[in-house]
Amino acid sequence: TNFIKKHKFPPTAEPETTSETGADIEGVAQ
């Protein structure tokens, strides 16, 4: 949810593809 709200209206200078690491999954990354 935080990711969606942060990126739904991105700056026009933002690159076309990127990666985002967010909160942990049950305390485990990915």
Full PDB file with SEQRES, HELIX, SHEET, SSBOND, CRYST1, ORIGX, SCALE, CONECT and MASTER records, all heavy atoms in Angstrom:
SEQRES   1 A   30  THR ASN PHE ILE LYS LYS HIS LYS PHE PRO PRO THR ALA          
SEQRES   2 A   30  GLU PRO GLU THR THR SER GLU THR GLY ALA ASP ILE GLU          
SEQRES   3 A   30  GLY VAL ALA GLN                                              
HELIX    1 AA1 ASN A    2  HIS A    7  1                                   6    
CRYST1    1.000    1.000    1.000  90.00  90.00  90.00 P 1           1          
ORIGX1      1.000000  0.000000  0.000000        0.00000                         
ORIGX2      0.000000  1.000000  0.000000        0.00000                         
ORIGX3      0.000000  0.000000  1.000000        0.00000                         
SCALE1      1.000000  0.000000  0.000000        0.00000                         
SCALE2      0.000000  1.000000  0.000000        0.00000                         
SCALE3      0.000000  0.000000  1.000000        0.00000                         
ATOM      1  N   THR A   1       0.832  -1.212   0.000  1.00  0.00           N  
ATOM      2  CA  THR A   1       0.000   0.000   0.000  1.00  0.00           C  
ATOM      3  C   THR A   1       0.865   1.259   0.000  1.00  0.00           C  
ATOM      4  O   THR A   1       0.608   2.207  -0.754  1.00  0.00           O  
ATOM      5  CB  THR A   1      -0.934   0.012   1.218  1.00  0.00           C  
ATOM      6  OG1 THR A   1      -1.765  -1.150   1.190  1.00  0.00           O  
ATOM      7  CG2 THR A   1      -1.823   1.248   1.206  1.00  0.00           C  
ATOM      8  N   ASN A   2       1.901   1.261   0.835  1.00  0.00           N  
ATOM      9  CA  ASN A   2       2.795   2.422   0.882  1.00  0.00           C  
ATOM     10  C   ASN A   2       3.494   2.634  -0.454  1.00  0.00           C  
ATOM     11  O   ASN A   2       3.683   3.772  -0.901  1.00  0.00           O  
ATOM     12  CB  ASN A   2       3.830   2.243   1.992  1.00  0.00           C  
ATOM     13  CG  ASN A   2       3.227   2.371   3.382  1.00  0.00           C  
ATOM     14  OD1 ASN A   2       2.136   2.913   3.543  1.00  0.00           O  
ATOM     15  ND2 ASN A   2       3.918   1.849   4.380  1.00  0.00           N  
ATOM     16  N   PHE A   3       3.888   1.533  -1.085  1.00  0.00           N  
ATOM     17  CA  PHE A   3       4.548   1.619  -2.392  1.00  0.00           C  
ATOM     18  C   PHE A   3       3.610   2.237  -3.425  1.00  0.00           C  
ATOM     19  O   PHE A   3       4.006   3.116  -4.199  1.00  0.00           O  
ATOM     20  CB  PHE A   3       4.981   0.211  -2.833  1.00  0.00           C  
ATOM     21  CG  PHE A   3       5.626   0.178  -4.186  1.00  0.00           C  
ATOM     22  CD1 PHE A   3       6.988   0.326  -4.335  1.00  0.00           C  
ATOM     23  CD2 PHE A   3       4.861   0.000  -5.329  1.00  0.00           C  
ATOM     24  CE1 PHE A   3       7.584   0.295  -5.577  1.00  0.00           C  
ATOM     25  CE2 PHE A   3       5.439  -0.029  -6.586  1.00  0.00           C  
ATOM     26  CZ  PHE A   3       6.813   0.119  -6.705  1.00  0.00           C  
ATOM     27  N   ILE A   4       2.365   1.772  -3.459  1.00  0.00           N  
ATOM     28  CA  ILE A   4       1.392   2.290  -4.431  1.00  0.00           C  
ATOM     29  C   ILE A   4       1.178   3.793  -4.231  1.00  0.00           C  
ATOM     30  O   ILE A   4       1.204   4.577  -5.188  1.00  0.00           O  
ATOM     31  CB  ILE A   4       0.055   1.531  -4.303  1.00  0.00           C  
ATOM     32  CG1 ILE A   4       0.220   0.087  -4.772  1.00  0.00           C  
ATOM     33  CG2 ILE A   4      -1.040   2.225  -5.116  1.00  0.00           C  
ATOM     34  CD1 ILE A   4      -0.999  -0.782  -4.498  1.00  0.00           C  
ATOM     35  N   LYS A   5       0.972   4.186  -2.993  1.00  0.00           N  
ATOM     36  CA  LYS A   5       0.695   5.599  -2.703  1.00  0.00           C  
ATOM     37  C   LYS A   5       1.900   6.482  -3.044  1.00  0.00           C  
ATOM     38  O   LYS A   5       1.741   7.619  -3.481  1.00  0.00           O  
ATOM     39  CB  LYS A   5       0.304   5.763  -1.238  1.00  0.00           C  
ATOM     40  CG  LYS A   5      -1.065   5.166  -0.918  1.00  0.00           C  
ATOM     41  CD  LYS A   5      -1.432   5.355   0.544  1.00  0.00           C  
ATOM     42  CE  LYS A   5      -2.821   4.807   0.837  1.00  0.00           C  
ATOM     43  NZ  LYS A   5      -3.182   4.964   2.279  1.00  0.00           N  
ATOM     44  N   LYS A   6       3.088   5.941  -2.847  1.00  0.00           N  
ATOM     45  CA  LYS A   6       4.296   6.717  -3.105  1.00  0.00           C  
ATOM     46  C   LYS A   6       4.549   6.893  -4.593  1.00  0.00           C  
ATOM     47  O   LYS A   6       5.029   7.947  -5.037  1.00  0.00           O  
ATOM     48  CB  LYS A   6       5.496   6.029  -2.443  1.00  0.00           C  
ATOM     49  CG  LYS A   6       6.830   6.729  -2.698  1.00  0.00           C  
ATOM     50  CD  LYS A   6       7.964   5.980  -2.015  1.00  0.00           C  
ATOM     51  CE  LYS A   6       9.311   6.651  -2.313  1.00  0.00           C  
ATOM     52  NZ  LYS A   6      10.442   5.927  -1.664  1.00  0.00           N  
ATOM     53  N   HIS A   7       4.200   5.869  -5.398  1.00  0.00           N  
ATOM     54  CA  HIS A   7       4.621   5.863  -6.797  1.00  0.00           C  
ATOM     55  C   HIS A   7       3.490   6.064  -7.807  1.00  0.00           C  
ATOM     56  O   HIS A   7       3.773   6.060  -9.012  1.00  0.00           O  
ATOM     57  CB  HIS A   7       5.333   4.549  -7.121  1.00  0.00           C  
ATOM     58  CG  HIS A   7       6.637   4.385  -6.392  1.00  0.00           C  
ATOM     59  ND1 HIS A   7       7.782   5.040  -6.762  1.00  0.00           N  
ATOM     60  CD2 HIS A   7       6.960   3.649  -5.297  1.00  0.00           C  
ATOM     61  CE1 HIS A   7       8.768   4.710  -5.941  1.00  0.00           C  
ATOM     62  NE2 HIS A   7       8.296   3.862  -5.049  1.00  0.00           N  
ATOM     63  N   LYS A   8       2.274   6.252  -7.363  1.00  0.00           N  
ATOM     64  CA  LYS A   8       1.196   6.346  -8.356  1.00  0.00           C  
ATOM     65  C   LYS A   8       1.314   7.602  -9.216  1.00  0.00           C  
ATOM     66  O   LYS A   8       0.874   7.611 -10.370  1.00  0.00           O  
ATOM     67  CB  LYS A   8      -0.174   6.275  -7.691  1.00  0.00           C  
ATOM     68  CG  LYS A   8      -0.539   7.442  -6.793  1.00  0.00           C  
ATOM     69  CD  LYS A   8      -1.960   7.262  -6.250  1.00  0.00           C  
ATOM     70  CE  LYS A   8      -2.370   8.417  -5.341  1.00  0.00           C  
ATOM     71  NZ  LYS A   8      -3.755   8.265  -4.871  1.00  0.00           N  
ATOM     72  N   PHE A   9       1.900   8.683  -8.679  1.00  0.00           N  
ATOM     73  CA  PHE A   9       2.153   9.886  -9.469  1.00  0.00           C  
ATOM     74  C   PHE A   9       3.644  10.205  -9.388  1.00  0.00           C  
ATOM     75  O   PHE A   9       4.051  11.106  -8.677  1.00  0.00           O  
ATOM     76  CB  PHE A   9       1.337  11.064  -8.954  1.00  0.00           C  
ATOM     77  CG  PHE A   9      -0.141  10.875  -9.097  1.00  0.00           C  
ATOM     78  CD1 PHE A   9      -0.962  10.871  -7.983  1.00  0.00           C  
ATOM     79  CD2 PHE A   9      -0.714  10.667 -10.343  1.00  0.00           C  
ATOM     80  CE1 PHE A   9      -2.320  10.684  -8.104  1.00  0.00           C  
ATOM     81  CE2 PHE A   9      -2.081  10.475 -10.470  1.00  0.00           C  
ATOM     82  CZ  PHE A   9      -2.889  10.478  -9.349  1.00  0.00           C  
ATOM     83  N   PRO A  10       4.501   9.439 -10.128  1.00  0.00           N  
ATOM     84  CA  PRO A  10       5.950   9.627  -9.998  1.00  0.00           C  
ATOM     85  C   PRO A  10       6.425  10.869 -10.723  1.00  0.00           C  
ATOM     86  O   PRO A  10       5.754  11.375 -11.624  1.00  0.00           O  
ATOM     87  CB  PRO A  10       6.522   8.371 -10.669  1.00  0.00           C  
ATOM     88  CG  PRO A  10       5.498   8.032 -11.713  1.00  0.00           C  
ATOM     89  CD  PRO A  10       4.162   8.412 -11.109  1.00  0.00           C  
ATOM     90  N   PRO A  11       7.610  11.355 -10.369  1.00  0.00           N  
ATOM     91  CA  PRO A  11       8.211  12.479 -11.110  1.00  0.00           C  
ATOM     92  C   PRO A  11       8.463  12.060 -12.549  1.00  0.00           C  
ATOM     93  O   PRO A  11       8.750  10.898 -12.825  1.00  0.00           O  
ATOM     94  CB  PRO A  11       9.537  12.726 -10.368  1.00  0.00           C  
ATOM     95  CG  PRO A  11       9.378  12.058  -9.045  1.00  0.00           C  
ATOM     96  CD  PRO A  11       8.447  10.907  -9.258  1.00  0.00           C  
ATOM     97  N   THR A  12       8.368  12.995 -13.453  1.00  0.00           N  
ATOM     98  CA  THR A  12       8.552  12.668 -14.871  1.00  0.00           C  
ATOM     99  C   THR A  12       9.976  12.235 -15.163  1.00  0.00           C  
ATOM    100  O   THR A  12      10.222  11.564 -16.151  1.00  0.00           O  
ATOM    101  CB  THR A  12       8.223  13.895 -15.742  1.00  0.00           C  
ATOM    102  OG1 THR A  12       9.030  14.998 -15.302  1.00  0.00           O  
ATOM    103  CG2 THR A  12       6.757  14.258 -15.617  1.00  0.00           C  
ATOM    104  N   ALA A  13      10.919  12.597 -14.303  1.00  0.00           N  
ATOM    105  CA  ALA A  13      12.312  12.233 -14.536  1.00  0.00           C  
ATOM    106  C   ALA A  13      12.634  10.825 -14.066  1.00  0.00           C  
ATOM    107  O   ALA A  13      13.746  10.341 -14.225  1.00  0.00           O  
ATOM    108  CB  ALA A  13      13.242  13.214 -13.825  1.00  0.00           C  
ATOM    109  N   GLU A  14      11.651  10.145 -13.454  1.00  0.00           N  
ATOM    110  CA  GLU A  14      11.914   8.817 -12.914  1.00  0.00           C  
ATOM    111  C   GLU A  14      12.198   7.816 -14.028  1.00  0.00           C  
ATOM    112  O   GLU A  14      11.548   7.843 -15.065  1.00  0.00           O  
ATOM    113  CB  GLU A  14      10.698   8.355 -12.119  1.00  0.00           C  
ATOM    114  CG  GLU A  14      10.967   7.117 -11.272  1.00  0.00           C  
ATOM    115  CD  GLU A  14       9.828   6.874 -10.296  1.00  0.00           C  
ATOM    116  OE1 GLU A  14       8.714   7.336 -10.579  1.00  0.00           O  
ATOM    117  OE2 GLU A  14      10.063   6.224  -9.276  1.00  0.00           O  
ATOM    118  N   PRO A  15      13.163   6.906 -13.869  1.00  0.00           N  
ATOM    119  CA  PRO A  15      13.476   5.920 -14.911  1.00  0.00           C  
ATOM    120  C   PRO A  15      12.319   4.964 -15.138  1.00  0.00           C  
ATOM    121  O   PRO A  15      11.451   4.795 -14.284  1.00  0.00           O  
ATOM    122  CB  PRO A  15      14.687   5.176 -14.348  1.00  0.00           C  
ATOM    123  CG  PRO A  15      14.624   5.374 -12.876  1.00  0.00           C  
ATOM    124  CD  PRO A  15      14.031   6.746 -12.696  1.00  0.00           C  
ATOM    125  N   GLU A  16      12.301   4.342 -16.305  1.00  0.00           N  
ATOM    126  CA  GLU A  16      11.181   3.502 -16.699  1.00  0.00           C  
ATOM    127  C   GLU A  16      11.097   2.221 -15.905  1.00  0.00           C  
ATOM    128  O   GLU A  16      10.038   1.690 -15.700  1.00  0.00           O  
ATOM    129  CB  GLU A  16      11.272   3.187 -18.197  1.00  0.00           C  
ATOM    130  CG  GLU A  16      11.064   4.414 -19.063  1.00  0.00           C  
ATOM    131  CD  GLU A  16      10.934   4.034 -20.518  1.00  0.00           C  
ATOM    132  OE1 GLU A  16      10.916   2.841 -20.829  1.00  0.00           O  
ATOM    133  OE2 GLU A  16      10.850   4.944 -21.343  1.00  0.00           O  
ATOM    134  N   THR A  17      12.213   1.659 -15.483  1.00  0.00           N  
ATOM    135  CA  THR A  17      12.174   0.450 -14.671  1.00  0.00           C  
ATOM    136  C   THR A  17      13.056   0.647 -13.466  1.00  0.00           C  
ATOM    137  O   THR A  17      14.082   1.294 -13.513  1.00  0.00           O  
ATOM    138  CB  THR A  17      12.665  -0.782 -15.455  1.00  0.00           C  
ATOM    139  OG1 THR A  17      14.008  -0.527 -15.872  1.00  0.00           O  
ATOM    140  CG2 THR A  17      11.798  -1.047 -16.659  1.00  0.00           C  
ATOM    141  N   THR A  18      12.652   0.070 -12.366  1.00  0.00           N  
ATOM    142  CA  THR A  18      13.417   0.170 -11.138  1.00  0.00           C  
ATOM    143  C   THR A  18      13.018  -0.955 -10.214  1.00  0.00           C  
ATOM    144  O   THR A  18      12.099  -1.709 -10.487  1.00  0.00           O  
ATOM    145  CB  THR A  18      13.181   1.539 -10.448  1.00  0.00           C  
ATOM    146  OG1 THR A  18      14.071   1.632  -9.335  1.00  0.00           O  
ATOM    147  CG2 THR A  18      11.753   1.679  -9.952  1.00  0.00           C  
ATOM    148  N   SER A  19      13.725  -1.092  -9.107  1.00  0.00           N  
ATOM    149  CA  SER A  19      13.382  -2.084  -8.107  1.00  0.00           C  
ATOM    150  C   SER A  19      13.147  -1.366  -6.796  1.00  0.00           C  
ATOM    151  O   SER A  19      13.698  -0.309  -6.536  1.00  0.00           O  
ATOM    152  CB  SER A  19      14.512  -3.106  -7.930  1.00  0.00           C  
ATOM    153  OG  SER A  19      14.710  -3.810  -9.131  1.00  0.00           O  
ATOM    154  N   GLU A  20      12.307  -1.942  -5.968  1.00  0.00           N  
ATOM    155  CA  GLU A  20      11.994  -1.330  -4.683  1.00  0.00           C  
ATOM    156  C   GLU A  20      11.986  -2.411  -3.630  1.00  0.00           C  
ATOM    157  O   GLU A  20      11.288  -3.402  -3.759  1.00  0.00           O  
ATOM    158  CB  GLU A  20      10.603  -0.680  -4.755  1.00  0.00           C  
ATOM    159  CG  GLU A  20      10.140  -0.048  -3.444  1.00  0.00           C  
ATOM    160  CD  GLU A  20      10.557   1.399  -3.319  1.00  0.00           C  
ATOM    161  OE1 GLU A  20      11.228   1.862  -4.231  1.00  0.00           O  
ATOM    162  OE2 GLU A  20      10.197   2.022  -2.334  1.00  0.00           O  
ATOM    163  N   THR A  21      12.781  -2.266  -2.616  1.00  0.00           N  
ATOM    164  CA  THR A  21      12.718  -3.217  -1.513  1.00  0.00           C  
ATOM    165  C   THR A  21      11.977  -2.566  -0.375  1.00  0.00           C  
ATOM    166  O   THR A  21      12.316  -1.486   0.081  1.00  0.00           O  
ATOM    167  CB  THR A  21      14.122  -3.609  -1.042  1.00  0.00           C  
ATOM    168  OG1 THR A  21      14.860  -2.432  -0.748  1.00  0.00           O  
ATOM    169  CG2 THR A  21      14.849  -4.380  -2.127  1.00  0.00           C  
ATOM    170  N   GLY A  22      10.933  -3.246   0.093  1.00  0.00           N  
ATOM    171  CA  GLY A  22      10.091  -2.674   1.122  1.00  0.00           C  
ATOM    172  C   GLY A  22      10.197  -3.418   2.416  1.00  0.00           C  
ATOM    173  O   GLY A  22      11.233  -3.928   2.792  1.00  0.00           O  
ATOM    174  N   ALA A  23       9.070  -3.548   3.123  1.00  0.00           N  
ATOM    175  CA  ALA A  23       9.052  -4.200   4.419  1.00  0.00           C  
ATOM    176  C   ALA A  23       9.337  -5.684   4.262  1.00  0.00           C  
ATOM    177  O   ALA A  23       9.291  -6.244   3.189  1.00  0.00           O  
ATOM    178  CB  ALA A  23       7.689  -3.995   5.080  1.00  0.00           C  
ATOM    179  N   ASP A  24       9.629  -6.309   5.386  1.00  0.00           N  
ATOM    180  CA  ASP A  24       9.991  -7.720   5.354  1.00  0.00           C  
ATOM    181  C   ASP A  24       8.754  -8.593   5.228  1.00  0.00           C  
ATOM    182  O   ASP A  24       7.658  -8.223   5.604  1.00  0.00           O  
ATOM    183  CB  ASP A  24      10.721  -8.096   6.650  1.00  0.00           C  
ATOM    184  CG  ASP A  24      11.916  -7.193   6.886  1.00  0.00           C  
ATOM    185  OD1 ASP A  24      12.515  -6.793   5.887  1.00  0.00           O  
ATOM    186  OD2 ASP A  24      12.200  -6.905   8.055  1.00  0.00           O  
ATOM    187  N   ILE A  25       8.983  -9.810   4.717  1.00  0.00           N  
ATOM    188  CA  ILE A  25       7.925 -10.808   4.653  1.00  0.00           C  
ATOM    189  C   ILE A  25       8.045 -11.660   5.901  1.00  0.00           C  
ATOM    190  O   ILE A  25       8.932 -12.497   6.003  1.00  0.00           O  
ATOM    191  CB  ILE A  25       8.101 -11.709   3.426  1.00  0.00           C  
ATOM    192  CG1 ILE A  25       8.379 -10.882   2.193  1.00  0.00           C  
ATOM    193  CG2 ILE A  25       6.930 -12.616   3.242  1.00  0.00           C  
ATOM    194  CD1 ILE A  25       8.856 -11.698   1.053  1.00  0.00           C  
ATOM    195  N   GLU A  26       7.153 -11.462   6.834  1.00  0.00           N  
ATOM    196  CA  GLU A  26       7.231 -12.221   8.070  1.00  0.00           C  
ATOM    197  C   GLU A  26       8.651 -12.161   8.642  1.00  0.00           C  
ATOM    198  O   GLU A  26       9.166 -13.139   9.178  1.00  0.00           O  
ATOM    199  CB  GLU A  26       6.830 -13.689   7.816  1.00  0.00           C  
ATOM    200  CG  GLU A  26       5.434 -13.857   7.252  1.00  0.00           C  
ATOM    201  CD  GLU A  26       4.357 -13.497   8.263  1.00  0.00           C  
ATOM    202  OE1 GLU A  26       4.623 -13.638   9.475  1.00  0.00           O  
ATOM    203  OE2 GLU A  26       3.273 -13.069   7.866  1.00  0.00           O  
ATOM    204  N   GLY A  27       9.327 -11.024   8.435  1.00  0.00           N  
ATOM    205  CA  GLY A  27      10.686 -10.887   8.922  1.00  0.00           C  
ATOM    206  C   GLY A  27      11.741 -11.459   8.004  1.00  0.00           C  
ATOM    207  O   GLY A  27      12.897 -11.525   8.363  1.00  0.00           O  
ATOM    208  N   VAL A  28      11.374 -11.892   6.790  1.00  0.00           N  
ATOM    209  CA  VAL A  28      12.326 -12.515   5.873  1.00  0.00           C  
ATOM    210  C   VAL A  28      12.321 -11.744   4.565  1.00  0.00           C  
ATOM    211  O   VAL A  28      11.279 -11.494   3.988  1.00  0.00           O  
ATOM    212  CB  VAL A  28      11.956 -13.987   5.605  1.00  0.00           C  
ATOM    213  CG1 VAL A  28      12.964 -14.600   4.673  1.00  0.00           C  
ATOM    214  CG2 VAL A  28      11.897 -14.759   6.919  1.00  0.00           C  
ATOM    215  N   ALA A  29      13.498 -11.373   4.085  1.00  0.00           N  
ATOM    216  CA  ALA A  29      13.590 -10.613   2.842  1.00  0.00           C  
ATOM    217  C   ALA A  29      13.492 -11.532   1.639  1.00  0.00           C  
ATOM    218  O   ALA A  29      14.351 -12.376   1.428  1.00  0.00           O  
ATOM    219  CB  ALA A  29      14.900  -9.827   2.800  1.00  0.00           C  
ATOM    220  N   GLN A  30      12.429 -11.389   0.875  1.00  0.00           N  
ATOM    221  CA  GLN A  30      12.292 -12.004  -0.433  1.00  0.00           C  
ATOM    222  C   GLN A  30      12.369 -13.517  -0.539  1.00  0.00           C  
ATOM    223  O   GLN A  30      12.967 -14.014  -1.449  1.00  0.00           O  
ATOM    224  CB  GLN A  30      13.336 -11.410  -1.372  1.00  0.00           C  
ATOM    225  CG  GLN A  30      13.138  -9.945  -1.641  1.00  0.00           C  
ATOM    226  CD  GLN A  30      11.735  -9.631  -2.081  1.00  0.00           C  
ATOM    227  OE1 GLN A  30      11.213 -10.234  -2.992  1.00  0.00           O  
ATOM    228  NE2 GLN A  30      11.100  -8.696  -1.428  1.00  0.00           N  
TER     229      GLN A  30                                                      
MASTER        0    0    0    1    0    0    0    6  228    1    0    3          
END                                                                             
